[in-house]
Protein backbone atom coordinates (compact mmCIF):
# COMPACT_ATOMS: atom_id res chain seq x y z
CA MET A 1 74.63 -16.93 49.68
CA PRO A 2 77.57 -18.88 48.15
CA LYS A 3 77.37 -19.76 44.47
CA VAL A 4 79.12 -23.17 44.41
CA LEU A 5 80.98 -23.69 47.66
CA THR A 6 79.30 -24.71 50.86
CA GLN A 7 79.67 -22.62 53.98
CA ALA A 8 81.64 -25.52 55.44
CA GLN A 9 84.11 -25.28 52.55
CA ILE A 10 84.48 -21.53 52.97
CA ASP A 11 85.01 -22.00 56.71
CA SER A 12 87.62 -24.68 55.99
CA TYR A 13 89.53 -22.31 53.66
CA ASN A 14 89.49 -19.58 56.26
CA ARG A 15 90.55 -21.94 59.05
CA ASN A 16 93.22 -23.98 57.21
CA GLY A 17 94.41 -21.55 54.56
CA PHE A 18 93.66 -23.91 51.70
CA LEU A 19 90.77 -25.79 50.13
CA PHE A 20 90.60 -28.74 47.73
CA PRO A 21 89.33 -30.18 45.54
CA VAL A 22 87.54 -27.45 43.60
CA GLU A 23 86.08 -28.61 40.32
CA ALA A 24 87.11 -26.49 37.29
CA TYR A 25 87.59 -28.83 34.33
CA SER A 26 86.68 -32.36 33.29
CA ARG A 27 89.57 -34.80 32.85
CA GLU A 28 89.02 -34.53 29.09
CA GLU A 29 89.24 -30.74 29.18
CA ALA A 30 92.38 -30.90 31.33
CA THR A 31 93.95 -33.29 28.79
CA VAL A 32 93.40 -30.70 26.10
CA LEU A 33 95.06 -28.02 28.21
CA SER A 34 98.03 -30.34 28.98
CA ALA A 35 98.46 -31.04 25.28
CA LYS A 36 98.35 -27.29 24.57
CA VAL A 37 101.22 -26.76 27.02
CA GLU A 38 103.25 -29.44 25.25
CA GLU A 39 102.49 -27.86 21.88
CA MET A 40 103.61 -24.41 23.03
CA GLU A 41 106.74 -25.75 24.65
CA ALA A 42 107.66 -27.47 21.39
CA ARG A 43 107.04 -24.19 19.60
CA VAL A 44 109.19 -22.02 21.87
CA GLY A 45 111.81 -24.70 22.56
CA HIS A 46 111.72 -24.73 26.37
CA GLU A 47 109.46 -25.29 29.35
CA LEU A 48 106.92 -22.47 29.62
CA GLN A 49 107.87 -22.01 33.26
CA ALA A 50 111.38 -21.10 32.22
CA LYS A 51 110.34 -17.70 30.85
CA PHE A 52 106.59 -17.37 31.23
CA ARG A 53 106.27 -16.42 34.88
CA ILE A 54 104.42 -13.89 37.04
CA LYS A 55 102.01 -13.11 34.21
CA ALA A 56 102.25 -16.35 32.23
CA HIS A 57 98.66 -16.06 31.04
CA LEU A 58 99.10 -12.70 29.43
CA PRO A 59 100.60 -13.71 26.03
CA PHE A 60 98.05 -16.52 25.43
CA PRO A 61 94.32 -16.09 24.77
CA TRP A 62 93.63 -19.70 25.85
CA LEU A 63 95.29 -19.13 29.23
CA CYS A 64 93.28 -15.89 29.64
CA ASP A 65 90.24 -18.12 29.10
CA VAL A 66 91.52 -20.36 31.92
CA ILE A 67 91.79 -17.53 34.42
CA ARG A 68 88.21 -16.50 33.48
CA ASN A 69 86.75 -19.98 33.63
CA PRO A 70 83.25 -19.33 35.08
CA ARG A 71 83.30 -22.50 37.22
CA LEU A 72 86.54 -21.40 38.74
CA LEU A 73 85.45 -17.79 39.24
CA ASP A 74 82.19 -18.86 40.93
CA ALA A 75 84.27 -20.59 43.62
CA VAL A 76 86.74 -17.69 43.89
CA GLU A 77 83.81 -15.29 44.27
CA ASP A 78 82.53 -17.31 47.22
CA ILE A 79 85.75 -16.52 49.05
CA ILE A 80 86.90 -13.06 47.96
CA GLY A 81 83.70 -11.47 46.64
CA PRO A 82 82.10 -10.54 43.30
CA ASN A 83 84.83 -8.19 42.04
CA ILE A 84 87.80 -10.27 40.92
CA LEU A 85 91.17 -9.25 39.49
CA CYS A 86 93.98 -11.51 38.33
CA TRP A 87 97.35 -9.90 39.00
CA GLY A 88 99.45 -12.86 37.89
CA ALA A 89 99.93 -16.50 37.01
CA SER A 90 102.82 -18.97 36.69
CA PHE A 91 103.49 -22.57 35.67
CA PHE A 92 105.06 -25.01 38.11
CA SER A 93 105.83 -28.13 36.10
CA LYS A 94 107.70 -31.34 36.76
CA LYS A 95 108.35 -33.94 34.10
CA ALA A 96 107.92 -37.68 34.75
CA HIS A 97 110.62 -38.89 37.19
CA ASP A 98 111.71 -35.33 37.77
CA PRO A 99 113.82 -34.63 40.92
CA ARG A 100 112.77 -30.98 41.12
CA PHE A 101 110.86 -29.76 44.17
CA ILE A 102 109.61 -26.59 45.88
CA SER A 103 110.94 -25.95 49.37
CA TRP A 104 108.63 -24.96 52.24
CA HIS A 105 107.70 -21.29 51.93
CA ASN A 106 104.86 -18.84 52.12
CA ASP A 107 104.16 -16.36 49.33
CA THR A 108 103.60 -13.36 51.59
CA PHE A 109 107.29 -13.39 52.46
CA PHE A 110 108.04 -12.09 48.97
CA TYR A 111 104.82 -10.12 48.43
CA ALA A 112 103.90 -6.68 49.69
CA PHE A 113 100.14 -6.59 49.19
CA GLU A 114 98.05 -4.48 51.50
CA PRO A 115 96.11 -6.17 52.90
CA ALA A 116 97.84 -9.57 52.50
CA GLU A 117 94.72 -11.28 51.20
CA THR A 118 95.45 -12.71 47.73
CA LEU A 119 94.15 -16.15 46.73
CA SER A 120 96.07 -18.57 44.53
CA ALA A 121 94.22 -21.17 42.46
CA TRP A 122 96.53 -24.09 41.62
CA VAL A 123 94.94 -25.71 38.53
CA SER A 124 96.11 -29.28 37.91
CA PHE A 125 96.45 -30.11 34.20
CA ASN A 126 97.13 -33.74 35.11
CA ASP A 127 96.90 -35.93 38.23
CA ALA A 128 98.71 -34.48 41.24
CA THR A 129 99.46 -37.17 43.79
CA LEU A 130 101.99 -37.77 46.52
CA GLN A 131 104.01 -39.81 44.03
CA SER A 132 103.92 -37.07 41.39
CA GLY A 133 104.83 -34.31 43.84
CA CYS A 134 101.57 -32.60 44.73
CA VAL A 135 101.51 -29.39 46.78
CA GLN A 136 101.42 -29.95 50.55
CA TYR A 137 100.17 -27.45 53.13
CA ILE A 138 100.67 -26.76 56.84
CA PRO A 139 97.08 -26.10 58.04
CA GLY A 140 96.46 -22.88 59.90
CA SER A 141 99.94 -21.50 59.24
CA HIS A 142 98.46 -18.42 57.54
CA LYS A 143 97.17 -17.35 60.95
CA GLN A 144 100.50 -17.72 62.72
CA PRO A 145 103.22 -15.04 63.04
CA PRO A 146 105.23 -14.62 59.83
CA PRO A 147 107.71 -17.51 59.59
CA SER A 148 111.44 -17.07 59.26
CA HIS A 149 113.07 -18.18 56.02
CA GLU A 150 116.58 -19.21 55.19
CA PHE A 151 118.06 -19.43 51.72
CA LYS A 152 119.50 -22.73 50.55
CA PRO A 153 119.78 -22.70 46.74
CA HIS A 154 119.71 -26.12 45.17
CA PRO A 155 119.77 -27.02 41.43
CA ASP A 156 116.57 -29.04 41.81
CA ASN A 157 114.64 -26.38 43.72
CA LEU A 158 112.09 -24.60 41.53
CA ALA A 159 112.44 -21.67 43.94
CA PRO A 160 115.80 -20.39 42.60
CA ASP A 161 116.76 -18.51 45.76
CA GLY A 162 116.18 -21.66 47.84
CA ARG A 163 113.75 -19.95 50.19
CA THR A 164 112.89 -22.34 53.00
CA VAL A 165 110.77 -21.84 56.10
CA ILE A 166 112.67 -22.73 59.23
CA GLY A 167 111.27 -25.35 61.61
CA VAL A 168 108.36 -26.77 59.61
CA ASP A 169 106.62 -29.68 61.31
CA GLU A 170 106.21 -31.90 58.26
CA SER A 171 104.14 -34.41 60.22
CA ARG A 172 101.27 -31.89 60.02
CA ALA A 173 101.46 -31.53 56.24
CA VAL A 174 98.29 -32.10 54.21
CA PRO A 175 98.84 -33.24 50.57
CA ALA A 176 96.47 -31.62 48.07
CA ILE A 177 95.81 -34.71 45.97
CA LEU A 178 94.02 -33.66 42.75
CA SER A 179 92.69 -35.33 39.65
CA ALA A 180 93.32 -33.67 36.32
CA GLY A 181 91.09 -30.60 36.06
CA GLN A 182 90.71 -30.06 39.78
CA VAL A 183 92.05 -27.06 41.70
CA VAL A 184 93.41 -26.27 45.17
CA PHE A 185 92.95 -22.75 46.54
CA HIS A 186 95.41 -21.30 48.99
CA HIS A 187 95.84 -18.10 50.96
CA GLU A 188 99.10 -16.28 50.25
CA SER A 189 100.33 -16.68 53.81
CA VAL A 190 99.90 -20.42 54.22
CA VAL A 191 103.14 -22.46 54.33
CA HIS A 192 103.40 -24.92 51.45
CA GLY A 193 105.85 -26.89 49.32
CA SER A 194 106.09 -29.94 47.08
CA GLY A 195 108.34 -32.93 46.51
CA PRO A 196 109.80 -34.47 43.36
CA ASN A 197 107.77 -36.26 40.73
CA ASN A 198 108.40 -40.01 40.96
CA ALA A 199 105.44 -40.89 38.74
CA ASP A 200 105.46 -41.98 35.07
CA HIS A 201 103.55 -38.85 33.97
CA PRO A 202 104.21 -35.13 34.17
CA ARG A 203 102.72 -32.92 36.90
CA VAL A 204 101.77 -29.53 35.47
CA GLY A 205 100.27 -26.89 37.74
CA PHE A 206 99.04 -23.52 36.48
CA VAL A 207 98.84 -21.17 39.43
CA ILE A 208 96.53 -18.16 39.12
CA HIS A 209 96.75 -15.28 41.58
CA TYR A 210 93.46 -13.51 42.32
CA ASN A 211 92.65 -10.53 44.47
CA ALA A 212 89.75 -8.24 45.28
CA PRO A 213 90.18 -4.61 44.09
CA HIS A 214 90.84 -3.23 47.57
CA VAL A 215 94.10 -5.23 47.69
CA ARG A 216 96.95 -3.15 46.29
CA GLU A 217 100.56 -3.75 45.25
CA THR A 218 103.11 -1.76 47.25
CA ARG A 219 106.39 -3.04 45.84
CA TYR A 220 106.38 -0.86 42.73
CA GLU A 221 104.31 1.73 40.91
CA GLY A 222 102.08 0.99 37.92
CA ALA A 223 100.99 -2.53 38.89
CA THR A 224 98.61 -4.08 36.37
CA ALA A 225 95.90 -6.73 36.56
CA MET A 226 93.19 -8.32 34.40
CA LEU A 227 89.59 -7.82 35.41
CA CYS A 228 87.94 -11.24 35.50
CA ARG A 229 84.57 -10.46 37.03
CA GLY A 230 82.61 -7.47 38.35
CA ARG A 231 84.31 -4.11 38.40
CA ASP A 232 87.44 -2.43 39.77
CA THR A 233 86.05 -0.46 42.67
CA HIS A 234 89.30 1.12 43.85
CA GLY A 235 91.52 1.90 40.86
CA PHE A 236 94.74 0.60 42.35
CA TRP A 237 95.51 -1.48 39.25
CA ARG A 238 96.04 -0.46 35.65
CA PRO A 239 94.37 -2.81 33.16
CA ASP A 240 96.40 -5.51 31.45
CA PRO A 241 96.03 -5.74 27.66
CA GLU A 242 94.15 -8.61 26.02
CA PRO A 243 96.38 -10.87 23.90
CA ARG A 244 95.49 -10.81 20.23
CA TYR A 245 97.10 -14.19 19.54
CA ASP A 246 99.55 -16.63 21.13
CA LEU A 247 102.90 -15.05 21.94
CA ASP A 248 101.54 -11.54 21.44
CA PRO A 249 104.74 -9.40 21.69
CA GLU A 250 103.01 -6.48 23.45
CA CYS A 251 101.86 -8.87 26.19
CA ILE A 252 105.25 -10.57 26.43
CA LYS A 253 106.83 -7.15 26.95
CA ILE A 254 104.52 -6.34 29.89
CA MET A 255 105.04 -9.85 31.33
CA GLU A 256 108.83 -9.46 31.18
CA GLU A 257 108.75 -5.95 32.66
CA THR A 258 106.57 -7.10 35.52
CA ARG A 259 108.77 -10.10 36.17
CA ALA A 260 111.86 -7.87 36.28
CA LEU A 261 110.19 -5.61 38.88
CA PHE A 262 109.08 -8.64 40.86
CA LEU A 263 112.52 -10.23 40.87
CA LYS A 264 114.23 -6.94 41.72
CA SER A 265 112.11 -6.59 44.84
CA GLN A 266 112.88 -10.24 45.81
CA VAL A 267 116.63 -9.79 45.38
CA LYS A 268 116.53 -6.62 47.46
CA LYS A 269 114.67 -8.36 50.29
CA VAL A 270 116.98 -11.41 50.34
CA ALA A 271 120.04 -9.13 50.37
CA ALA A 272 118.64 -7.18 53.31
CA ILE A 273 117.90 -10.38 55.28
CA GLU A 274 121.31 -11.91 54.61
CA ALA A 275 122.97 -8.65 55.60
CA GLY A 276 121.30 -9.01 58.99
């Protein structure tokens, strides 16, 4: 029996490839998290998303607390089961009146998980609206044949390689409008993207990537993950370390090594596609 989601919500996720809103934090709690992001960005001198990617949670105890938020994990468990790993997390942030966007894509195109059944939880640290550039989804696209991508780099595209799904029917897009503290879940294969932030406030999304232990990484050896709930029943993932304090150098090293492996596999795939 589900813990927090209704069967109708679970069915909706399976049918559409996304589900929102999922309640994870109060507005007040989300405000604290948003302020923490600003504090850390002032400390390091740049946006966290500039360097803290793929395993952005790993160097920060407070972000490890976010990925293990019991309210969030209860909902994740209703979809993927009681044994939950987090293989990664990234920030996707836009400042107020920020022209940056994310082109239409699906994550599976650059993943190589077997089976392709990871779940992303997009946690909104402030209000995500059409005006502020919320994520939009093409319902049911995760059940369609893998889409073709082209590569159109643009200085305002937060996807640096400019990956763009060809032939998206934008009239079908569903905007995931969220209040601060709410979450949208999405399947890795669903087509999604987001527009610029035309609002007077920032739009900060912290995206957490969860998987059940039977899902394994095939791009490279030695993949690591953090156990969030239950147990690792398959042993495909080495355990990530726990950060001792913010900006723990051991955790930063693993984050950077993982990002390098991740980017290397992406560059290789893009080169192969462009070579025909």
